[in-house]
Amino acid sequence: FKAFQWRKLGMAGTDVIAVRMSFIGEHGLELHCDRDQVANIFQKLHEADPKLADWGGSAMTSFRLEKSVPLFGKDITKD
């Protein structure tokens, strides 16, 4: 599906909303699910691709800047 669109998916036995968006300059998905299902979904994704890793906001900012993807309010202002 196209950027900034979303779909309801079944993943690891739970309902997930996948949003096609990325703030780091790569194709990506945000996955939204019930809080009690996060660890299960992460485990299943990691089993499918052991290279999957968790990283924080500072890493995301670094990736974004490497790809020259500015954010309004952080890198761009109305001035």
Protein backbone atom coordinates (compact mmCIF):
# COMPACT_ATOMS: atom_id res chain seq x y z
CA PHE A 1 0.00 0.00 0.00
CA LYS A 2 1.03 3.61 -0.54
CA ALA A 3 2.81 5.97 1.84
CA PHE A 4 0.65 7.30 4.70
CA GLN A 5 -2.03 4.68 4.13
CA TRP A 6 -2.92 2.03 6.70
CA ARG A 7 -4.22 -1.50 6.76
CA LYS A 8 -5.57 -3.83 9.43
CA LEU A 9 -3.49 -7.01 9.58
CA GLY A 10 -3.38 -10.18 11.58
CA MET A 11 0.09 -10.75 13.01
CA ALA A 12 1.26 -13.27 15.60
CA GLY A 13 -2.35 -14.05 16.47
CA THR A 14 -3.39 -10.45 17.15
CA ASP A 15 -4.90 -7.51 15.28
CA VAL A 16 -2.40 -4.93 14.11
CA ILE A 17 -2.80 -1.64 12.28
CA ALA A 18 0.14 -1.13 9.91
CA VAL A 19 0.81 2.44 8.77
CA ARG A 20 3.12 2.93 5.79
CA MET A 21 5.36 5.74 6.92
CA SER A 22 8.94 6.42 7.81
CA PHE A 23 10.73 9.40 9.23
CA ILE A 24 14.17 7.96 8.50
CA GLY A 25 14.16 8.03 4.71
CA GLU A 26 13.57 4.30 4.21
CA HIS A 27 10.41 2.40 3.35
CA GLY A 28 8.87 1.35 6.61
CA LEU A 29 5.82 0.50 8.64
CA GLU A 30 4.60 1.60 12.03
CA LEU A 31 2.80 -1.23 13.78
CA HIS A 32 0.05 -0.38 16.25
CA CYS A 33 -1.41 -3.05 18.53
CA ASP A 34 -2.63 -3.63 22.07
CA ARG A 35 0.14 -2.98 24.58
CA ASP A 36 0.03 -6.52 25.96
CA GLN A 37 0.82 -7.91 22.48
CA VAL A 38 3.96 -5.86 21.72
CA ALA A 39 6.49 -8.37 23.10
CA ASN A 40 4.81 -11.26 21.29
CA ILE A 41 4.79 -9.43 17.96
CA PHE A 42 8.41 -8.33 18.38
CA GLN A 43 9.45 -11.91 19.18
CA LYS A 44 7.66 -13.27 16.10
CA LEU A 45 9.20 -10.59 13.86
CA HIS A 46 12.65 -11.32 15.29
CA GLU A 47 12.16 -15.05 14.63
CA ALA A 48 11.29 -14.21 11.01
CA ASP A 49 14.34 -11.92 10.66
CA PRO A 50 17.05 -12.21 13.32
CA LYS A 51 18.65 -8.98 12.03
CA LEU A 52 15.68 -7.04 13.45
CA ALA A 53 16.79 -4.85 16.33
CA ASP A 54 15.27 -2.22 18.55
CA TRP A 55 16.81 1.23 18.64
CA GLY A 56 15.89 4.56 20.14
CA GLY A 57 14.95 8.02 18.99
CA SER A 58 18.52 9.27 18.75
CA ALA A 59 19.36 6.52 16.27
CA MET A 60 16.24 7.36 14.27
CA THR A 61 17.31 11.02 14.11
CA SER A 62 20.76 9.99 12.91
CA PHE A 63 19.31 7.74 10.19
CA ARG A 64 16.98 10.53 9.10
CA LEU A 65 19.76 13.10 8.86
CA GLU A 66 21.97 10.69 6.88
CA LYS A 67 19.17 10.48 4.29
CA SER A 68 18.58 14.28 4.35
CA VAL A 69 14.98 13.90 5.53
CA PRO A 70 14.18 17.09 7.49
CA LEU A 71 11.31 17.38 9.97
CA PHE A 72 9.20 20.48 10.25
CA GLY A 73 9.61 21.93 13.72
CA LYS A 74 13.02 20.32 14.26
CA ASP A 75 15.04 21.05 11.15
CA ILE A 76 12.65 23.37 9.31
CA THR A 77 10.65 26.21 10.76
CA LYS A 78 8.20 28.65 9.25
CA ASP A 79 10.88 31.38 9.42
